mmCIF file of all heavy atoms, coordinates in Angstrom:
data_MODEL
# 
_entry.id   MODEL 
# 
loop_
_atom_site.group_PDB 
_atom_site.id 
_atom_site.type_symbol 
_atom_site.label_atom_id 
_atom_site.label_alt_id 
_atom_site.label_comp_id 
_atom_site.label_asym_id 
_atom_site.label_entity_id 
_atom_site.label_seq_id 
_atom_site.pdbx_PDB_ins_code 
_atom_site.Cartn_x 
_atom_site.Cartn_y 
_atom_site.Cartn_z 
_atom_site.occupancy 
_atom_site.B_iso_or_equiv 
_atom_site.pdbx_formal_charge 
_atom_site.auth_seq_id 
_atom_site.auth_comp_id 
_atom_site.auth_asym_id 
_atom_site.auth_atom_id 
_atom_site.pdbx_PDB_model_num 
ATOM 1   N N   . ALA A 1 1  ? -148.850 -160.908 -64.065 1.00 0.00 ? 1  ALA A N   1 
ATOM 2   C CA  . ALA A 1 1  ? -149.907 -160.014 -64.602 1.00 0.00 ? 1  ALA A CA  1 
ATOM 3   C C   . ALA A 1 1  ? -149.480 -159.232 -65.838 1.00 0.00 ? 1  ALA A C   1 
ATOM 4   O O   . ALA A 1 1  ? -150.149 -159.091 -66.844 1.00 0.00 ? 1  ALA A O   1 
ATOM 5   C CB  . ALA A 1 1  ? -150.384 -159.078 -63.475 1.00 0.00 ? 1  ALA A CB  1 
ATOM 6   N N   . PRO A 1 2  ? -148.197 -158.577 -65.873 1.00 0.00 ? 2  PRO A N   1 
ATOM 7   C CA  . PRO A 1 2  ? -147.788 -157.930 -67.010 1.00 0.00 ? 2  PRO A CA  1 
ATOM 8   C C   . PRO A 1 2  ? -147.646 -158.709 -68.314 1.00 0.00 ? 2  PRO A C   1 
ATOM 9   O O   . PRO A 1 2  ? -147.671 -158.166 -69.412 1.00 0.00 ? 2  PRO A O   1 
ATOM 10  C CB  . PRO A 1 2  ? -146.341 -157.362 -66.619 1.00 0.00 ? 2  PRO A CB  1 
ATOM 11  C CG  . PRO A 1 2  ? -146.341 -157.392 -65.149 1.00 0.00 ? 2  PRO A CG  1 
ATOM 12  C CD  . PRO A 1 2  ? -147.236 -158.537 -64.733 1.00 0.00 ? 2  PRO A CD  1 
ATOM 13  N N   . PHE A 1 3  ? -147.604 -160.003 -68.160 1.00 0.00 ? 3  PHE A N   1 
ATOM 14  C CA  . PHE A 1 3  ? -147.419 -160.900 -69.419 1.00 0.00 ? 3  PHE A CA  1 
ATOM 15  C C   . PHE A 1 3  ? -148.762 -161.187 -70.072 1.00 0.00 ? 3  PHE A C   1 
ATOM 16  O O   . PHE A 1 3  ? -148.786 -161.724 -71.162 1.00 0.00 ? 3  PHE A O   1 
ATOM 17  C CB  . PHE A 1 3  ? -146.839 -162.141 -68.975 1.00 0.00 ? 3  PHE A CB  1 
ATOM 18  C CG  . PHE A 1 3  ? -145.296 -162.031 -68.714 1.00 0.00 ? 3  PHE A CG  1 
ATOM 19  C CD1 . PHE A 1 3  ? -144.809 -161.724 -67.492 1.00 0.00 ? 3  PHE A CD1 1 
ATOM 20  C CD2 . PHE A 1 3  ? -144.343 -162.207 -69.777 1.00 0.00 ? 3  PHE A CD2 1 
ATOM 21  C CE1 . PHE A 1 3  ? -143.517 -161.590 -67.224 1.00 0.00 ? 3  PHE A CE1 1 
ATOM 22  C CE2 . PHE A 1 3  ? -143.083 -162.048 -69.492 1.00 0.00 ? 3  PHE A CE2 1 
ATOM 23  C CZ  . PHE A 1 3  ? -142.611 -161.812 -68.261 1.00 0.00 ? 3  PHE A CZ  1 
ATOM 24  N N   . GLU A 1 4  ? -149.914 -160.643 -69.486 1.00 0.00 ? 4  GLU A N   1 
ATOM 25  C CA  . GLU A 1 4  ? -151.147 -160.662 -70.261 1.00 0.00 ? 4  GLU A CA  1 
ATOM 26  C C   . GLU A 1 4  ? -151.013 -159.820 -71.512 1.00 0.00 ? 4  GLU A C   1 
ATOM 27  O O   . GLU A 1 4  ? -151.553 -160.177 -72.596 1.00 0.00 ? 4  GLU A O   1 
ATOM 28  C CB  . GLU A 1 4  ? -152.298 -160.188 -69.283 1.00 0.00 ? 4  GLU A CB  1 
ATOM 29  C CG  . GLU A 1 4  ? -152.695 -161.102 -68.190 1.00 0.00 ? 4  GLU A CG  1 
ATOM 30  C CD  . GLU A 1 4  ? -153.437 -162.360 -68.688 1.00 0.00 ? 4  GLU A CD  1 
ATOM 31  O OE1 . GLU A 1 4  ? -153.728 -162.386 -69.871 1.00 0.00 ? 4  GLU A OE1 1 
ATOM 32  O OE2 . GLU A 1 4  ? -153.725 -163.211 -67.808 1.00 0.00 ? 4  GLU A OE2 1 
ATOM 33  N N   . ALA A 1 5  ? -150.448 -158.590 -71.365 1.00 0.00 ? 5  ALA A N   1 
ATOM 34  C CA  . ALA A 1 5  ? -150.305 -157.733 -72.520 1.00 0.00 ? 5  ALA A CA  1 
ATOM 35  C C   . ALA A 1 5  ? -149.245 -158.339 -73.479 1.00 0.00 ? 5  ALA A C   1 
ATOM 36  O O   . ALA A 1 5  ? -149.478 -158.182 -74.740 1.00 0.00 ? 5  ALA A O   1 
ATOM 37  C CB  . ALA A 1 5  ? -149.760 -156.386 -71.985 1.00 0.00 ? 5  ALA A CB  1 
ATOM 38  N N   . VAL A 1 6  ? -148.235 -158.991 -73.026 1.00 0.00 ? 6  VAL A N   1 
ATOM 39  C CA  . VAL A 1 6  ? -147.246 -159.614 -73.885 1.00 0.00 ? 6  VAL A CA  1 
ATOM 40  C C   . VAL A 1 6  ? -147.998 -160.691 -74.740 1.00 0.00 ? 6  VAL A C   1 
ATOM 41  O O   . VAL A 1 6  ? -147.732 -160.822 -75.923 1.00 0.00 ? 6  VAL A O   1 
ATOM 42  C CB  . VAL A 1 6  ? -146.121 -160.204 -73.054 1.00 0.00 ? 6  VAL A CB  1 
ATOM 43  C CG1 . VAL A 1 6  ? -145.135 -160.999 -73.979 1.00 0.00 ? 6  VAL A CG1 1 
ATOM 44  C CG2 . VAL A 1 6  ? -145.349 -159.134 -72.339 1.00 0.00 ? 6  VAL A CG2 1 
ATOM 45  N N   . ALA A 1 7  ? -148.891 -161.504 -74.077 1.00 0.00 ? 7  ALA A N   1 
ATOM 46  C CA  . ALA A 1 7  ? -149.583 -162.513 -74.772 1.00 0.00 ? 7  ALA A CA  1 
ATOM 47  C C   . ALA A 1 7  ? -150.462 -161.997 -75.964 1.00 0.00 ? 7  ALA A C   1 
ATOM 48  O O   . ALA A 1 7  ? -150.501 -162.484 -77.037 1.00 0.00 ? 7  ALA A O   1 
ATOM 49  C CB  . ALA A 1 7  ? -150.420 -163.369 -73.805 1.00 0.00 ? 7  ALA A CB  1 
ATOM 50  N N   . GLN A 1 8  ? -151.202 -160.845 -75.627 1.00 0.00 ? 8  GLN A N   1 
ATOM 51  C CA  . GLN A 1 8  ? -152.064 -160.219 -76.657 1.00 0.00 ? 8  GLN A CA  1 
ATOM 52  C C   . GLN A 1 8  ? -151.197 -159.717 -77.820 1.00 0.00 ? 8  GLN A C   1 
ATOM 53  O O   . GLN A 1 8  ? -151.570 -159.807 -78.902 1.00 0.00 ? 8  GLN A O   1 
ATOM 54  C CB  . GLN A 1 8  ? -152.926 -159.143 -75.977 1.00 0.00 ? 8  GLN A CB  1 
ATOM 55  C CG  . GLN A 1 8  ? -153.887 -159.667 -75.005 1.00 0.00 ? 8  GLN A CG  1 
ATOM 56  C CD  . GLN A 1 8  ? -154.697 -158.541 -74.383 1.00 0.00 ? 8  GLN A CD  1 
ATOM 57  O OE1 . GLN A 1 8  ? -154.548 -157.336 -74.773 1.00 0.00 ? 8  GLN A OE1 1 
ATOM 58  N NE2 . GLN A 1 8  ? -155.538 -158.866 -73.409 1.00 0.00 ? 8  GLN A NE2 1 
ATOM 59  N N   . SER A 1 9  ? -150.054 -159.013 -77.490 1.00 0.00 ? 9  SER A N   1 
ATOM 60  C CA  . SER A 1 9  ? -149.266 -158.492 -78.529 1.00 0.00 ? 9  SER A CA  1 
ATOM 61  C C   . SER A 1 9  ? -148.630 -159.514 -79.406 1.00 0.00 ? 9  SER A C   1 
ATOM 62  O O   . SER A 1 9  ? -148.331 -159.298 -80.638 1.00 0.00 ? 9  SER A O   1 
ATOM 63  C CB  . SER A 1 9  ? -148.170 -157.560 -77.904 1.00 0.00 ? 9  SER A CB  1 
ATOM 64  O OG  . SER A 1 9  ? -147.257 -158.386 -77.191 1.00 0.00 ? 9  SER A OG  1 
ATOM 65  N N   . GLN A 1 10 ? -148.393 -160.719 -78.924 1.00 0.00 ? 10 GLN A N   1 
ATOM 66  C CA  . GLN A 1 10 ? -147.777 -161.778 -79.723 1.00 0.00 ? 10 GLN A CA  1 
ATOM 67  C C   . GLN A 1 10 ? -148.840 -162.787 -80.190 1.00 0.00 ? 10 GLN A C   1 
ATOM 68  O O   . GLN A 1 10 ? -148.395 -163.869 -80.801 1.00 0.00 ? 10 GLN A O   1 
ATOM 69  C CB  . GLN A 1 10 ? -146.708 -162.608 -78.889 1.00 0.00 ? 10 GLN A CB  1 
ATOM 70  C CG  . GLN A 1 10 ? -145.554 -161.709 -78.468 1.00 0.00 ? 10 GLN A CG  1 
ATOM 71  C CD  . GLN A 1 10 ? -144.517 -162.441 -77.714 1.00 0.00 ? 10 GLN A CD  1 
ATOM 72  O OE1 . GLN A 1 10 ? -144.572 -163.729 -77.698 1.00 0.00 ? 10 GLN A OE1 1 
ATOM 73  N NE2 . GLN A 1 10 ? -143.556 -161.786 -77.107 1.00 0.00 ? 10 GLN A NE2 1 
ATOM 74  N N   . ASN A 1 11 ? -150.124 -162.478 -80.055 1.00 0.00 ? 11 ASN A N   1 
ATOM 75  C CA  . ASN A 1 11 ? -151.144 -163.384 -80.488 1.00 0.00 ? 11 ASN A CA  1 
ATOM 76  C C   . ASN A 1 11 ? -151.135 -164.729 -79.909 1.00 0.00 ? 11 ASN A C   1 
ATOM 77  O O   . ASN A 1 11 ? -151.194 -165.868 -80.517 1.00 0.00 ? 11 ASN A O   1 
ATOM 78  C CB  . ASN A 1 11 ? -151.168 -163.511 -82.016 1.00 0.00 ? 11 ASN A CB  1 
ATOM 79  C CG  . ASN A 1 11 ? -152.452 -164.172 -82.543 1.00 0.00 ? 11 ASN A CG  1 
ATOM 80  O OD1 . ASN A 1 11 ? -153.530 -164.167 -81.945 1.00 0.00 ? 11 ASN A OD1 1 
ATOM 81  N ND2 . ASN A 1 11 ? -152.443 -164.753 -83.851 1.00 0.00 ? 11 ASN A ND2 1 
ATOM 82  N N   . LYS A 1 12 ? -150.869 -164.728 -78.554 1.00 0.00 ? 12 LYS A N   1 
ATOM 83  C CA  . LYS A 1 12 ? -150.807 -165.996 -77.773 1.00 0.00 ? 12 LYS A CA  1 
ATOM 84  C C   . LYS A 1 12 ? -151.690 -165.856 -76.582 1.00 0.00 ? 12 LYS A C   1 
ATOM 85  O O   . LYS A 1 12 ? -152.272 -164.834 -76.299 1.00 0.00 ? 12 LYS A O   1 
ATOM 86  C CB  . LYS A 1 12 ? -149.320 -166.214 -77.273 1.00 0.00 ? 12 LYS A CB  1 
ATOM 87  C CG  . LYS A 1 12 ? -148.279 -166.348 -78.478 1.00 0.00 ? 12 LYS A CG  1 
ATOM 88  C CD  . LYS A 1 12 ? -146.853 -166.518 -78.049 1.00 0.00 ? 12 LYS A CD  1 
ATOM 89  C CE  . LYS A 1 12 ? -145.936 -166.526 -79.183 1.00 0.00 ? 12 LYS A CE  1 
ATOM 90  N NZ  . LYS A 1 12 ? -144.493 -166.599 -78.775 1.00 0.00 ? 12 LYS A NZ  1 
ATOM 91  N N   . ARG A 1 13 ? -151.807 -166.948 -75.705 1.00 0.00 ? 13 ARG A N   1 
ATOM 92  C CA  . ARG A 1 13 ? -152.605 -166.934 -74.639 1.00 0.00 ? 13 ARG A CA  1 
ATOM 93  C C   . ARG A 1 13 ? -151.782 -167.312 -73.428 1.00 0.00 ? 13 ARG A C   1 
ATOM 94  O O   . ARG A 1 13 ? -150.885 -168.100 -73.488 1.00 0.00 ? 13 ARG A O   1 
ATOM 95  C CB  . ARG A 1 13 ? -153.772 -168.016 -74.810 1.00 0.00 ? 13 ARG A CB  1 
ATOM 96  C CG  . ARG A 1 13 ? -154.670 -167.782 -75.952 1.00 0.00 ? 13 ARG A CG  1 
ATOM 97  C CD  . ARG A 1 13 ? -155.768 -168.777 -76.065 1.00 0.00 ? 13 ARG A CD  1 
ATOM 98  N NE  . ARG A 1 13 ? -155.324 -170.139 -76.064 1.00 0.00 ? 13 ARG A NE  1 
ATOM 99  C CZ  . ARG A 1 13 ? -154.882 -170.799 -77.076 1.00 0.00 ? 13 ARG A CZ  1 
ATOM 100 N NH1 . ARG A 1 13 ? -154.919 -170.180 -78.346 1.00 0.00 ? 13 ARG A NH1 1 
ATOM 101 N NH2 . ARG A 1 13 ? -154.548 -171.985 -76.965 1.00 0.00 ? 13 ARG A NH2 1 
ATOM 102 N N   . LEU A 1 14 ? -152.162 -166.695 -72.319 1.00 0.00 ? 14 LEU A N   1 
ATOM 103 C CA  . LEU A 1 14 ? -151.572 -166.918 -70.997 1.00 0.00 ? 14 LEU A CA  1 
ATOM 104 C C   . LEU A 1 14 ? -152.641 -167.535 -70.044 1.00 0.00 ? 14 LEU A C   1 
ATOM 105 O O   . LEU A 1 14 ? -153.700 -166.858 -69.779 1.00 0.00 ? 14 LEU A O   1 
ATOM 106 C CB  . LEU A 1 14 ? -150.895 -165.704 -70.362 1.00 0.00 ? 14 LEU A CB  1 
ATOM 107 C CG  . LEU A 1 14 ? -150.401 -165.819 -68.973 1.00 0.00 ? 14 LEU A CG  1 
ATOM 108 C CD1 . LEU A 1 14 ? -149.273 -166.844 -68.931 1.00 0.00 ? 14 LEU A CD1 1 
ATOM 109 C CD2 . LEU A 1 14 ? -149.891 -164.486 -68.371 1.00 0.00 ? 14 LEU A CD2 1 
ATOM 110 N N   . SER A 1 15 ? -152.401 -168.685 -69.557 1.00 0.00 ? 15 SER A N   1 
ATOM 111 C CA  . SER A 1 15 ? -153.320 -169.319 -68.555 1.00 0.00 ? 15 SER A CA  1 
ATOM 112 C C   . SER A 1 15 ? -152.584 -169.454 -67.307 1.00 0.00 ? 15 SER A C   1 
ATOM 113 O O   . SER A 1 15 ? -151.583 -170.040 -67.137 1.00 0.00 ? 15 SER A O   1 
ATOM 114 C CB  . SER A 1 15 ? -153.738 -170.660 -69.066 1.00 0.00 ? 15 SER A CB  1 
ATOM 115 O OG  . SER A 1 15 ? -154.441 -171.445 -68.188 1.00 0.00 ? 15 SER A OG  1 
ATOM 116 N N   . CYS A 1 16 ? -153.193 -168.890 -66.165 1.00 0.00 ? 16 CYS A N   1 
ATOM 117 C CA  . CYS A 1 16 ? -152.667 -168.903 -64.861 1.00 0.00 ? 16 CYS A CA  1 
ATOM 118 C C   . CYS A 1 16 ? -153.570 -169.577 -63.915 1.00 0.00 ? 16 CYS A C   1 
ATOM 119 O O   . CYS A 1 16 ? -154.740 -169.215 -63.802 1.00 0.00 ? 16 CYS A O   1 
ATOM 120 C CB  . CYS A 1 16 ? -152.361 -167.430 -64.369 1.00 0.00 ? 16 CYS A CB  1 
ATOM 121 S SG  . CYS A 1 16 ? -151.081 -166.630 -65.277 1.00 0.00 ? 16 CYS A SG  1 
ATOM 122 N N   . SER A 1 17 ? -153.043 -170.594 -63.172 1.00 0.00 ? 17 SER A N   1 
ATOM 123 C CA  . SER A 1 17 ? -153.756 -171.248 -62.178 1.00 0.00 ? 17 SER A CA  1 
ATOM 124 C C   . SER A 1 17 ? -152.946 -171.208 -60.906 1.00 0.00 ? 17 SER A C   1 
ATOM 125 O O   . SER A 1 17 ? -152.015 -171.979 -60.724 1.00 0.00 ? 17 SER A O   1 
ATOM 126 C CB  . SER A 1 17 ? -154.103 -172.714 -62.532 1.00 0.00 ? 17 SER A CB  1 
ATOM 127 O OG  . SER A 1 17 ? -154.735 -173.436 -61.540 1.00 0.00 ? 17 SER A OG  1 
ATOM 128 N N   . ILE A 1 18 ? -153.370 -170.267 -59.991 1.00 0.00 ? 18 ILE A N   1 
ATOM 129 C CA  . ILE A 1 18 ? -152.531 -170.025 -58.838 1.00 0.00 ? 18 ILE A CA  1 
ATOM 130 C C   . ILE A 1 18 ? -153.398 -170.243 -57.576 1.00 0.00 ? 18 ILE A C   1 
ATOM 131 O O   . ILE A 1 18 ? -154.470 -169.587 -57.332 1.00 0.00 ? 18 ILE A O   1 
ATOM 132 C CB  . ILE A 1 18 ? -152.060 -168.495 -58.779 1.00 0.00 ? 18 ILE A CB  1 
ATOM 133 C CG1 . ILE A 1 18 ? -151.193 -168.247 -60.079 1.00 0.00 ? 18 ILE A CG1 1 
ATOM 134 C CG2 . ILE A 1 18 ? -151.265 -168.189 -57.596 1.00 0.00 ? 18 ILE A CG2 1 
ATOM 135 C CD1 . ILE A 1 18 ? -150.784 -166.853 -60.296 1.00 0.00 ? 18 ILE A CD1 1 
ATOM 136 N N   . GLN A 1 19 ? -152.945 -171.256 -56.765 1.00 0.00 ? 19 GLN A N   1 
ATOM 137 C CA  . GLN A 1 19 ? -153.739 -171.498 -55.529 1.00 0.00 ? 19 GLN A CA  1 
ATOM 138 C C   . GLN A 1 19 ? -153.539 -170.314 -54.532 1.00 0.00 ? 19 GLN A C   1 
ATOM 139 O O   . GLN A 1 19 ? -152.339 -169.943 -54.310 1.00 0.00 ? 19 GLN A O   1 
ATOM 140 C CB  . GLN A 1 19 ? -153.123 -172.766 -54.919 1.00 0.00 ? 19 GLN A CB  1 
ATOM 141 C CG  . GLN A 1 19 ? -153.937 -173.231 -53.740 1.00 0.00 ? 19 GLN A CG  1 
ATOM 142 C CD  . GLN A 1 19 ? -153.438 -174.590 -53.151 1.00 0.00 ? 19 GLN A CD  1 
ATOM 143 O OE1 . GLN A 1 19 ? -152.868 -175.397 -53.898 1.00 0.00 ? 19 GLN A OE1 1 
ATOM 144 N NE2 . GLN A 1 19 ? -153.634 -174.855 -51.899 1.00 0.00 ? 19 GLN A NE2 1 
ATOM 145 N N   . PRO A 1 20 ? -154.573 -169.738 -54.080 1.00 0.00 ? 20 PRO A N   1 
ATOM 146 C CA  . PRO A 1 20 ? -154.439 -168.513 -53.178 1.00 0.00 ? 20 PRO A CA  1 
ATOM 147 C C   . PRO A 1 20 ? -153.941 -168.915 -51.763 1.00 0.00 ? 20 PRO A C   1 
ATOM 148 O O   . PRO A 1 20 ? -153.952 -170.073 -51.388 1.00 0.00 ? 20 PRO A O   1 
ATOM 149 C CB  . PRO A 1 20 ? -155.877 -168.058 -53.129 1.00 0.00 ? 20 PRO A CB  1 
ATOM 150 C CG  . PRO A 1 20 ? -156.757 -169.233 -53.410 1.00 0.00 ? 20 PRO A CG  1 
ATOM 151 C CD  . PRO A 1 20 ? -155.940 -170.083 -54.325 1.00 0.00 ? 20 PRO A CD  1 
ATOM 152 N N   . MET A 1 21 ? -153.517 -167.885 -51.101 1.00 0.00 ? 21 MET A N   1 
ATOM 153 C CA  . MET A 1 21 ? -153.168 -167.886 -49.674 1.00 0.00 ? 21 MET A CA  1 
ATOM 154 C C   . MET A 1 21 ? -151.984 -168.798 -49.354 1.00 0.00 ? 21 MET A C   1 
ATOM 155 O O   . MET A 1 21 ? -151.823 -169.363 -48.252 1.00 0.00 ? 21 MET A O   1 
ATOM 156 C CB  . MET A 1 21 ? -154.325 -168.327 -48.806 1.00 0.00 ? 21 MET A CB  1 
ATOM 157 C CG  . MET A 1 21 ? -155.532 -167.539 -48.978 1.00 0.00 ? 21 MET A CG  1 
ATOM 158 S SD  . MET A 1 21 ? -155.389 -165.738 -48.625 1.00 0.00 ? 21 MET A SD  1 
ATOM 159 C CE  . MET A 1 21 ? -155.141 -165.887 -46.830 1.00 0.00 ? 21 MET A CE  1 
ATOM 160 N N   . LEU A 1 22 ? -151.137 -169.081 -50.373 1.00 0.00 ? 22 LEU A N   1 
ATOM 161 C CA  . LEU A 1 22 ? -149.880 -169.826 -50.117 1.00 0.00 ? 22 LEU A CA  1 
ATOM 162 C C   . LEU A 1 22 ? -148.737 -168.928 -49.760 1.00 0.00 ? 22 LEU A C   1 
ATOM 163 O O   . LEU A 1 22 ? -148.552 -167.844 -50.279 1.00 0.00 ? 22 LEU A O   1 
ATOM 164 C CB  . LEU A 1 22 ? -149.492 -170.710 -51.262 1.00 0.00 ? 22 LEU A CB  1 
ATOM 165 C CG  . LEU A 1 22 ? -150.500 -171.799 -51.705 1.00 0.00 ? 22 LEU A CG  1 
ATOM 166 C CD1 . LEU A 1 22 ? -149.882 -172.465 -52.907 1.00 0.00 ? 22 LEU A CD1 1 
ATOM 167 C CD2 . LEU A 1 22 ? -150.771 -172.685 -50.593 1.00 0.00 ? 22 LEU A CD2 1 
ATOM 168 N N   . SER A 1 23 ? -147.990 -169.309 -48.667 1.00 0.00 ? 23 SER A N   1 
ATOM 169 C CA  . SER A 1 23 ? -146.878 -168.440 -48.297 1.00 0.00 ? 23 SER A CA  1 
ATOM 170 C C   . SER A 1 23 ? -145.613 -169.333 -48.114 1.00 0.00 ? 23 SER A C   1 
ATOM 171 O O   . SER A 1 23 ? -145.732 -170.485 -47.903 1.00 0.00 ? 23 SER A O   1 
ATOM 172 C CB  . SER A 1 23 ? -147.243 -167.762 -46.936 1.00 0.00 ? 23 SER A CB  1 
ATOM 173 O OG  . SER A 1 23 ? -147.522 -168.663 -45.943 1.00 0.00 ? 23 SER A OG  1 
ATOM 174 N N   . GLY A 1 24 ? -144.443 -168.617 -48.074 1.00 0.00 ? 24 GLY A N   1 
ATOM 175 C CA  . GLY A 1 24 ? -143.193 -169.338 -47.918 1.00 0.00 ? 24 GLY A CA  1 
ATOM 176 C C   . GLY A 1 24 ? -142.058 -168.346 -47.649 1.00 0.00 ? 24 GLY A C   1 
ATOM 177 O O   . GLY A 1 24 ? -142.248 -167.163 -47.812 1.00 0.00 ? 24 GLY A O   1 
ATOM 178 N N   . LYS A 1 25 ? -140.927 -168.922 -47.256 1.00 0.00 ? 25 LYS A N   1 
ATOM 179 C CA  . LYS A 1 25 ? -139.712 -168.086 -46.978 1.00 0.00 ? 25 LYS A CA  1 
ATOM 180 C C   . LYS A 1 25 ? -139.021 -167.750 -48.243 1.00 0.00 ? 25 LYS A C   1 
ATOM 181 O O   . LYS A 1 25 ? -138.878 -168.672 -49.091 1.00 0.00 ? 25 LYS A O   1 
ATOM 182 C CB  . LYS A 1 25 ? -138.864 -168.672 -46.012 1.00 0.00 ? 25 LYS A CB  1 
ATOM 183 C CG  . LYS A 1 25 ? -139.433 -168.723 -44.532 1.00 0.00 ? 25 LYS A CG  1 
ATOM 184 C CD  . LYS A 1 25 ? -138.394 -169.297 -43.554 1.00 0.00 ? 25 LYS A CD  1 
ATOM 185 C CE  . LYS A 1 25 ? -138.975 -169.238 -42.122 1.00 0.00 ? 25 LYS A CE  1 
ATOM 186 N NZ  . LYS A 1 25 ? -137.937 -169.746 -41.184 1.00 0.00 ? 25 LYS A NZ  1 
ATOM 187 N N   . GLY A 1 26 ? -138.566 -166.488 -48.358 1.00 0.00 ? 26 GLY A N   1 
ATOM 188 C CA  . GLY A 1 26 ? -137.794 -166.146 -49.538 1.00 0.00 ? 26 GLY A CA  1 
ATOM 189 C C   . GLY A 1 26 ? -137.661 -164.634 -49.797 1.00 0.00 ? 26 GLY A C   1 
ATOM 190 O O   . GLY A 1 26 ? -137.991 -163.823 -48.960 1.00 0.00 ? 26 GLY A O   1 
ATOM 191 N N   . ASN A 1 27 ? -137.066 -164.312 -50.937 1.00 0.00 ? 27 ASN A N   1 
ATOM 192 C CA  . ASN A 1 27 ? -136.868 -162.935 -51.339 1.00 0.00 ? 27 ASN A CA  1 
ATOM 193 C C   . ASN A 1 27 ? -137.967 -162.601 -52.349 1.00 0.00 ? 27 ASN A C   1 
ATOM 194 O O   . ASN A 1 27 ? -137.883 -163.156 -53.525 1.00 0.00 ? 27 ASN A O   1 
ATOM 195 C CB  . ASN A 1 27 ? -135.467 -162.742 -51.856 1.00 0.00 ? 27 ASN A CB  1 
ATOM 196 C CG  . ASN A 1 27 ? -135.126 -161.278 -52.170 1.00 0.00 ? 27 ASN A CG  1 
ATOM 197 O OD1 . ASN A 1 27 ? -135.945 -160.521 -52.663 1.00 0.00 ? 27 ASN A OD1 1 
ATOM 198 N ND2 . ASN A 1 27 ? -133.933 -160.879 -51.767 1.00 0.00 ? 27 ASN A ND2 1 
# 
């Protein structure tokens, strides 16, 4: 999410496609 602002400040685009409700083990 914070990189949306980075994209706007650098005149670039951020495209995110995240499949919801996925879980896994980790930190």
